[in-house]
Amino acid sequence: MKTKTLDRETKNKITFVTFIIEKFASAYKMDRQASYRYLKKYGGLDYIFECWWALHIDNPFWALKDIYKVCRNNGGYR
């Protein structure tokens, strides 16, 4: 049986997404699960996956601000 491995870009994307969810949780005083649910509900997670390359080269402070704006524009309240 042949084992499939993830390519480098996919690994980098997964690493960034987990990092930014943790940072979002910390910045907005919530646990990781609440952060994930909030981002998923208000479009932040879709935005992260769509724009991860640009977000990951930006300062995390500004990346979080952008993600927050997307969520806020989609009905988020934090």
PDB file of N, CA and C in Angstrom:
ATOM      1  N   MET A   1       0.840  -1.172   0.000  1.00  0.00           N
ATOM      2  CA  MET A   1       0.000   0.000   0.000  1.00  0.00           C
ATOM      3  C   MET A   1       0.891   1.243   0.000  1.00  0.00           C
ATOM      4  N   LYS A   2       0.603   2.143  -0.897  1.00  0.00           N
ATOM      5  CA  LYS A   2       1.392   3.360  -1.028  1.00  0.00           C
ATOM      6  C   LYS A   2       0.847   4.441  -0.087  1.00  0.00           C
ATOM      7  N   THR A   3       1.732   5.039   0.677  1.00  0.00           N
ATOM      8  CA  THR A   3       1.349   6.102   1.598  1.00  0.00           C
ATOM      9  C   THR A   3       1.441   7.438   0.888  1.00  0.00           C
ATOM     10  N   LYS A   4       0.402   8.231   1.022  1.00  0.00           N
ATOM     11  CA  LYS A   4       0.407   9.559   0.428  1.00  0.00           C
ATOM     12  C   LYS A   4       0.947  10.549   1.448  1.00  0.00           C
ATOM     13  N   THR A   5       1.739  11.484   0.966  1.00  0.00           N
ATOM     14  CA  THR A   5       2.255  12.537   1.829  1.00  0.00           C
ATOM     15  C   THR A   5       1.780  13.877   1.298  1.00  0.00           C
ATOM     16  N   LEU A   6       1.756  14.833   2.177  1.00  0.00           N
ATOM     17  CA  LEU A   6       1.332  16.169   1.788  1.00  0.00           C
ATOM     18  C   LEU A   6       2.492  16.909   1.136  1.00  0.00           C
ATOM     19  N   ASP A   7       2.160  17.722   0.158  1.00  0.00           N
ATOM     20  CA  ASP A   7       3.203  18.528  -0.459  1.00  0.00           C
ATOM     21  C   ASP A   7       3.567  19.686   0.475  1.00  0.00           C
ATOM     22  N   ARG A   8       4.659  20.333   0.191  1.00  0.00           N
ATOM     23  CA  ARG A   8       5.186  21.393   1.050  1.00  0.00           C
ATOM     24  C   ARG A   8       4.187  22.549   1.236  1.00  0.00           C
ATOM     25  N   GLU A   9       3.531  22.973   0.155  1.00  0.00           N
ATOM     26  CA  GLU A   9       2.584  24.085   0.244  1.00  0.00           C
ATOM     27  C   GLU A   9       1.410  23.743   1.152  1.00  0.00           C
ATOM     28  N   THR A  10       0.903  22.537   1.043  1.00  0.00           N
ATOM     29  CA  THR A  10      -0.211  22.111   1.891  1.00  0.00           C
ATOM     30  C   THR A  10       0.213  22.087   3.357  1.00  0.00           C
ATOM     31  N   LYS A  11       1.403  21.590   3.632  1.00  0.00           N
ATOM     32  CA  LYS A  11       1.918  21.589   5.006  1.00  0.00           C
ATOM     33  C   LYS A  11       2.044  23.011   5.537  1.00  0.00           C
ATOM     34  N   ASN A  12       2.572  23.911   4.714  1.00  0.00           N
ATOM     35  CA  ASN A  12       2.715  25.307   5.129  1.00  0.00           C
ATOM     36  C   ASN A  12       1.359  25.949   5.401  1.00  0.00           C
ATOM     37  N   LYS A  13       0.381  25.639   4.552  1.00  0.00           N
ATOM     38  CA  LYS A  13      -0.963  26.189   4.730  1.00  0.00           C
ATOM     39  C   LYS A  13      -1.574  25.698   6.041  1.00  0.00           C
ATOM     40  N   ILE A  14      -1.459  24.410   6.319  1.00  0.00           N
ATOM     41  CA  ILE A  14      -2.002  23.842   7.552  1.00  0.00           C
ATOM     42  C   ILE A  14      -1.326  24.462   8.769  1.00  0.00           C
ATOM     43  N   THR A  15      -0.014  24.611   8.699  1.00  0.00           N
ATOM     44  CA  THR A  15       0.732  25.221   9.796  1.00  0.00           C
ATOM     45  C   THR A  15       0.265  26.650  10.041  1.00  0.00           C
ATOM     46  N   PHE A  16       0.088  27.415   8.969  1.00  0.00           N
ATOM     47  CA  PHE A  16      -0.347  28.799   9.126  1.00  0.00           C
ATOM     48  C   PHE A  16      -1.766  28.882   9.677  1.00  0.00           C
ATOM     49  N   VAL A  17      -2.662  28.071   9.160  1.00  0.00           N
ATOM     50  CA  VAL A  17      -4.061  28.123   9.603  1.00  0.00           C
ATOM     51  C   VAL A  17      -4.157  27.793  11.091  1.00  0.00           C
ATOM     52  N   THR A  18      -3.456  26.778  11.539  1.00  0.00           N
ATOM     53  CA  THR A  18      -3.492  26.448  12.969  1.00  0.00           C
ATOM     54  C   THR A  18      -2.862  27.560  13.800  1.00  0.00           C
ATOM     55  N   PHE A  19      -1.798  28.159  13.298  1.00  0.00           N
ATOM     56  CA  PHE A  19      -1.142  29.279  13.990  1.00  0.00           C
ATOM     57  C   PHE A  19      -2.092  30.468  14.116  1.00  0.00           C
ATOM     58  N   ILE A  20      -2.760  30.833  13.035  1.00  0.00           N
ATOM     59  CA  ILE A  20      -3.579  32.042  13.042  1.00  0.00           C
ATOM     60  C   ILE A  20      -4.862  31.841  13.857  1.00  0.00           C
ATOM     61  N   ILE A  21      -5.401  30.637  13.892  1.00  0.00           N
ATOM     62  CA  ILE A  21      -6.558  30.362  14.744  1.00  0.00           C
ATOM     63  C   ILE A  21      -6.169  30.550  16.212  1.00  0.00           C
ATOM     64  N   GLU A  22      -5.000  30.050  16.576  1.00  0.00           N
ATOM     65  CA  GLU A  22      -4.495  30.218  17.951  1.00  0.00           C
ATOM     66  C   GLU A  22      -4.274  31.697  18.274  1.00  0.00           C
ATOM     67  N   LYS A  23      -3.673  32.436  17.350  1.00  0.00           N
ATOM     68  CA  LYS A  23      -3.426  33.866  17.558  1.00  0.00           C
ATOM     69  C   LYS A  23      -4.744  34.639  17.681  1.00  0.00           C
ATOM     70  N   PHE A  24      -5.714  34.286  16.848  1.00  0.00           N
ATOM     71  CA  PHE A  24      -7.027  34.938  16.905  1.00  0.00           C
ATOM     72  C   PHE A  24      -7.673  34.680  18.264  1.00  0.00           C
ATOM     73  N   ALA A  25      -7.586  33.441  18.727  1.00  0.00           N
ATOM     74  CA  ALA A  25      -8.149  33.087  20.030  1.00  0.00           C
ATOM     75  C   ALA A  25      -7.505  33.918  21.134  1.00  0.00           C
ATOM     76  N   SER A  26      -6.218  34.035  21.095  1.00  0.00           N
ATOM     77  CA  SER A  26      -5.492  34.797  22.103  1.00  0.00           C
ATOM     78  C   SER A  26      -5.841  36.288  22.038  1.00  0.00           C
ATOM     79  N   ALA A  27      -5.867  36.834  20.838  1.00  0.00           N
ATOM     80  CA  ALA A  27      -6.127  38.266  20.653  1.00  0.00           C
ATOM     81  C   ALA A  27      -7.537  38.658  21.089  1.00  0.00           C
ATOM     82  N   TYR A  28      -8.495  37.770  20.889  1.00  0.00           N
ATOM     83  CA  TYR A  28      -9.884  38.097  21.188  1.00  0.00           C
ATOM     84  C   TYR A  28     -10.429  37.327  22.387  1.00  0.00           C
ATOM     85  N   LYS A  29      -9.523  36.846  23.219  1.00  0.00           N
ATOM     86  CA  LYS A  29      -9.861  36.239  24.517  1.00  0.00           C
ATOM     87  C   LYS A  29     -10.898  35.117  24.418  1.00  0.00           C
ATOM     88  N   MET A  30     -10.566  34.114  23.619  1.00  0.00           N
ATOM     89  CA  MET A  30     -11.436  32.945  23.512  1.00  0.00           C
ATOM     90  C   MET A  30     -10.560  31.704  23.412  1.00  0.00           C
ATOM     91  N   ASP A  31     -11.138  30.551  23.623  1.00  0.00           N
ATOM     92  CA  ASP A  31     -10.340  29.337  23.454  1.00  0.00           C
ATOM     93  C   ASP A  31     -10.278  28.975  21.972  1.00  0.00           C
ATOM     94  N   ARG A  32      -9.434  28.009  21.641  1.00  0.00           N
ATOM     95  CA  ARG A  32      -9.219  27.654  20.226  1.00  0.00           C
ATOM     96  C   ARG A  32     -10.484  27.169  19.542  1.00  0.00           C
ATOM     97  N   GLN A  33     -11.273  26.380  20.232  1.00  0.00           N
ATOM     98  CA  GLN A  33     -12.509  25.869  19.622  1.00  0.00           C
ATOM     99  C   GLN A  33     -13.477  27.006  19.327  1.00  0.00           C
ATOM    100  N   ALA A  34     -13.621  27.922  20.266  1.00  0.00           N
ATOM    101  CA  ALA A  34     -14.513  29.069  20.054  1.00  0.00           C
ATOM    102  C   ALA A  34     -13.991  29.925  18.904  1.00  0.00           C
ATOM    103  N   SER A  35     -12.684  30.085  18.833  1.00  0.00           N
ATOM    104  CA  SER A  35     -12.067  30.844  17.751  1.00  0.00           C
ATOM    105  C   SER A  35     -12.371  30.195  16.403  1.00  0.00           C
ATOM    106  N   TYR A  36     -12.188  28.886  16.326  1.00  0.00           N
ATOM    107  CA  TYR A  36     -12.462  28.155  15.082  1.00  0.00           C
ATOM    108  C   TYR A  36     -13.933  28.304  14.684  1.00  0.00           C
ATOM    109  N   ARG A  37     -14.833  28.107  15.634  1.00  0.00           N
ATOM    110  CA  ARG A  37     -16.270  28.204  15.329  1.00  0.00           C
ATOM    111  C   ARG A  37     -16.643  29.614  14.871  1.00  0.00           C
ATOM    112  N   TYR A  38     -16.100  30.619  15.537  1.00  0.00           N
ATOM    113  CA  TYR A  38     -16.369  32.010  15.173  1.00  0.00           C
ATOM    114  C   TYR A  38     -15.868  32.294  13.754  1.00  0.00           C
ATOM    115  N   LEU A  39     -14.632  31.902  13.478  1.00  0.00           N
ATOM    116  CA  LEU A  39     -14.061  32.137  12.150  1.00  0.00           C
ATOM    117  C   LEU A  39     -14.839  31.399  11.068  1.00  0.00           C
ATOM    118  N   LYS A  40     -15.256  30.186  11.367  1.00  0.00           N
ATOM    119  CA  LYS A  40     -16.041  29.410  10.398  1.00  0.00           C
ATOM    120  C   LYS A  40     -17.406  30.051  10.161  1.00  0.00           C
ATOM    121  N   LYS A  41     -18.071  30.466  11.227  1.00  0.00           N
ATOM    122  CA  LYS A  41     -19.416  31.026  11.128  1.00  0.00           C
ATOM    123  C   LYS A  41     -19.443  32.345  10.359  1.00  0.00           C
ATOM    124  N   TYR A  42     -18.440  33.178  10.554  1.00  0.00           N
ATOM    125  CA  TYR A  42     -18.462  34.525   9.981  1.00  0.00           C
ATOM    126  C   TYR A  42     -17.513  34.722   8.795  1.00  0.00           C
ATOM    127  N   GLY A  43     -17.099  33.637   8.166  1.00  0.00           N
ATOM    128  CA  GLY A  43     -16.341  33.734   6.921  1.00  0.00           C
ATOM    129  C   GLY A  43     -14.850  33.962   7.062  1.00  0.00           C
ATOM    130  N   GLY A  44     -14.368  34.056   8.281  1.00  0.00           N
ATOM    131  CA  GLY A  44     -12.938  34.268   8.486  1.00  0.00           C
ATOM    132  C   GLY A  44     -12.105  33.097   8.024  1.00  0.00           C
ATOM    133  N   LEU A  45     -12.590  31.899   8.257  1.00  0.00           N
ATOM    134  CA  LEU A  45     -11.845  30.706   7.857  1.00  0.00           C
ATOM    135  C   LEU A  45     -11.751  30.600   6.337  1.00  0.00           C
ATOM    136  N   ASP A  46     -12.833  30.894   5.649  1.00  0.00           N
ATOM    137  CA  ASP A  46     -12.794  30.898   4.181  1.00  0.00           C
ATOM    138  C   ASP A  46     -11.784  31.927   3.680  1.00  0.00           C
ATOM    139  N   TYR A  47     -11.791  33.095   4.305  1.00  0.00           N
ATOM    140  CA  TYR A  47     -10.846  34.156   3.940  1.00  0.00           C
ATOM    141  C   TYR A  47      -9.404  33.710   4.191  1.00  0.00           C
ATOM    142  N   ILE A  48      -9.167  33.062   5.326  1.00  0.00           N
ATOM    143  CA  ILE A  48      -7.822  32.576   5.636  1.00  0.00           C
ATOM    144  C   ILE A  48      -7.369  31.580   4.581  1.00  0.00           C
ATOM    145  N   PHE A  49      -8.217  30.621   4.230  1.00  0.00           N
ATOM    146  CA  PHE A  49      -7.834  29.626   3.218  1.00  0.00           C
ATOM    147  C   PHE A  49      -7.642  30.256   1.845  1.00  0.00           C
ATOM    148  N   GLU A  50      -8.459  31.224   1.514  1.00  0.00           N
ATOM    149  CA  GLU A  50      -8.362  31.875   0.209  1.00  0.00           C
ATOM    150  C   GLU A  50      -7.125  32.771   0.102  1.00  0.00           C
ATOM    151  N   CYS A  51      -6.793  33.460   1.174  1.00  0.00           N
ATOM    152  CA  CYS A  51      -5.725  34.475   1.133  1.00  0.00           C
ATOM    153  C   CYS A  51      -4.540  34.125   2.025  1.00  0.00           C
ATOM    154  N   TRP A  52      -4.368  32.873   2.353  1.00  0.00           N
ATOM    155  CA  TRP A  52      -3.354  32.489   3.320  1.00  0.00           C
ATOM    156  C   TRP A  52      -1.961  32.940   2.915  1.00  0.00           C
ATOM    157  N   TRP A  53      -1.667  32.913   1.638  1.00  0.00           N
ATOM    158  CA  TRP A  53      -0.317  33.270   1.198  1.00  0.00           C
ATOM    159  C   TRP A  53      -0.002  34.728   1.541  1.00  0.00           C
ATOM    160  N   ALA A  54      -0.909  35.626   1.245  1.00  0.00           N
ATOM    161  CA  ALA A  54      -0.691  37.041   1.564  1.00  0.00           C
ATOM    162  C   ALA A  54      -0.718  37.271   3.077  1.00  0.00           C
ATOM    163  N   LEU A  55      -1.615  36.599   3.769  1.00  0.00           N
ATOM    164  CA  LEU A  55      -1.717  36.779   5.215  1.00  0.00           C
ATOM    165  C   LEU A  55      -0.479  36.279   5.942  1.00  0.00           C
ATOM    166  N   HIS A  56       0.095  35.187   5.475  1.00  0.00           N
ATOM    167  CA  HIS A  56       1.211  34.607   6.219  1.00  0.00           C
ATOM    168  C   HIS A  56       2.500  35.408   6.079  1.00  0.00           C
ATOM    169  N   ILE A  57       2.613  36.246   5.057  1.00  0.00           N
ATOM    170  CA  ILE A  57       3.819  37.066   4.939  1.00  0.00           C
ATOM    171  C   ILE A  57       3.642  38.424   5.611  1.00  0.00           C
ATOM    172  N   ASP A  58       2.419  38.710   6.044  1.00  0.00           N
ATOM    173  CA  ASP A  58       2.130  39.958   6.734  1.00  0.00           C
ATOM    174  C   ASP A  58       2.429  39.795   8.225  1.00  0.00           C
ATOM    175  N   ASN A  59       2.546  40.904   8.911  1.00  0.00           N
ATOM    176  CA  ASN A  59       2.686  40.900  10.358  1.00  0.00           C
ATOM    177  C   ASN A  59       1.406  40.282  10.933  1.00  0.00           C
ATOM    178  N   PRO A  60       1.521  39.352  11.883  1.00  0.00           N
ATOM    179  CA  PRO A  60       0.312  38.722  12.439  1.00  0.00           C
ATOM    180  C   PRO A  60      -0.703  39.726  12.974  1.00  0.00           C
ATOM    181  N   PHE A  61      -0.249  40.847  13.508  1.00  0.00           N
ATOM    182  CA  PHE A  61      -1.161  41.877  14.009  1.00  0.00           C
ATOM    183  C   PHE A  61      -2.090  42.354  12.893  1.00  0.00           C
ATOM    184  N   TRP A  62      -1.524  42.663  11.752  1.00  0.00           N
ATOM    185  CA  TRP A  62      -2.320  43.164  10.628  1.00  0.00           C
ATOM    186  C   TRP A  62      -3.158  42.055   9.993  1.00  0.00           C
ATOM    187  N   ALA A  63      -2.623  40.851   9.956  1.00  0.00           N
ATOM    188  CA  ALA A  63      -3.397  39.723   9.433  1.00  0.00           C
ATOM    189  C   ALA A  63      -4.641  39.507  10.290  1.00  0.00           C
ATOM    190  N   LEU A  64      -4.481  39.574  11.608  1.00  0.00           N
ATOM    191  CA  LEU A  64      -5.633  39.410  12.506  1.00  0.00           C
ATOM    192  C   LEU A  64      -6.645  40.528  12.320  1.00  0.00           C
ATOM    193  N   LYS A  65      -6.164  41.739  12.117  1.00  0.00           N
ATOM    194  CA  LYS A  65      -7.070  42.874  11.868  1.00  0.00           C
ATOM    195  C   LYS A  65      -7.897  42.628  10.602  1.00  0.00           C
ATOM    196  N   ASP A  66      -7.237  42.159   9.532  1.00  0.00           N
ATOM    197  CA  ASP A  66      -7.942  41.872   8.280  1.00  0.00           C
ATOM    198  C   ASP A  66      -8.990  40.775   8.471  1.00  0.00           C
ATOM    199  N   ILE A  67      -8.619  39.728   9.165  1.00  0.00           N
ATOM    200  CA  ILE A  67      -9.535  38.610   9.412  1.00  0.00           C
ATOM    201  C   ILE A  67     -10.721  39.097  10.253  1.00  0.00           C
ATOM    202  N   TYR A  68     -10.434  39.920  11.254  1.00  0.00           N
ATOM    203  CA  TYR A  68     -11.491  40.481  12.092  1.00  0.00           C
ATOM    204  C   TYR A  68     -12.472  41.303  11.252  1.00  0.00           C
ATOM    205  N   LYS A  69     -11.946  42.112  10.341  1.00  0.00           N
ATOM    206  CA  LYS A  69     -12.805  42.938   9.484  1.00  0.00           C
ATOM    207  C   LYS A  69     -13.728  42.074   8.627  1.00  0.00           C
ATOM    208  N   VAL A  70     -13.187  40.993   8.091  1.00  0.00           N
ATOM    209  CA  VAL A  70     -14.007  40.083   7.282  1.00  0.00           C
ATOM    210  C   VAL A  70     -15.135  39.516   8.130  1.00  0.00           C
ATOM    211  N   CYS A  71     -14.814  39.057   9.328  1.00  0.00           N
ATOM    212  CA  CYS A  71     -15.845  38.499  10.218  1.00  0.00           C
ATOM    213  C   CYS A  71     -16.868  39.556  10.596  1.00  0.00           C
ATOM    214  N   ARG A  72     -16.393  40.742  10.899  1.00  0.00           N
ATOM    215  CA  ARG A  72     -17.290  41.840  11.294  1.00  0.00           C
ATOM    216  C   ARG A  72     -18.256  42.172  10.146  1.00  0.00           C
ATOM    217  N   ASN A  73     -17.734  42.196   8.921  1.00  0.00           N
ATOM    218  CA  ASN A  73     -18.564  42.488   7.752  1.00  0.00           C
ATOM    219  C   ASN A  73     -19.599  41.392   7.479  1.00  0.00           C
ATOM    220  N   ASN A  74     -19.348  40.198   8.021  1.00  0.00           N
ATOM    221  CA  ASN A  74     -20.271  39.086   7.840  1.00  0.00           C
ATOM    222  C   ASN A  74     -21.142  38.833   9.073  1.00  0.00           C
ATOM    223  N   GLY A  75     -21.234  39.818   9.962  1.00  0.00           N
ATOM    224  CA  GLY A  75     -22.113  39.716  11.113  1.00  0.00           C
ATOM    225  C   GLY A  75     -21.453  39.359  12.426  1.00  0.00           C
ATOM    226  N   GLY A  76     -20.131  39.219  12.432  1.00  0.00           N
ATOM    227  CA  GLY A  76     -19.409  38.924  13.684  1.00  0.00           C
ATOM    228  C   GLY A  76     -19.509  40.083  14.646  1.00  0.00           C
ATOM    229  N   TYR A  77     -19.432  39.805  15.904  1.00  0.00           N
ATOM    230  CA  TYR A  77     -19.670  40.832  16.910  1.00  0.00           C
ATOM    231  C   TYR A  77     -18.500  41.079  17.853  1.00  0.00           C
ATOM    232  N   ARG A  78     -17.437  40.360  17.768  1.00  0.00           N
ATOM    233  CA  ARG A  78     -16.300  40.512  18.708  1.00  0.00           C
ATOM    234  C   ARG A  78     -15.505  41.730  18.374  1.00  0.00           C
TER     235      ARG A  78
END
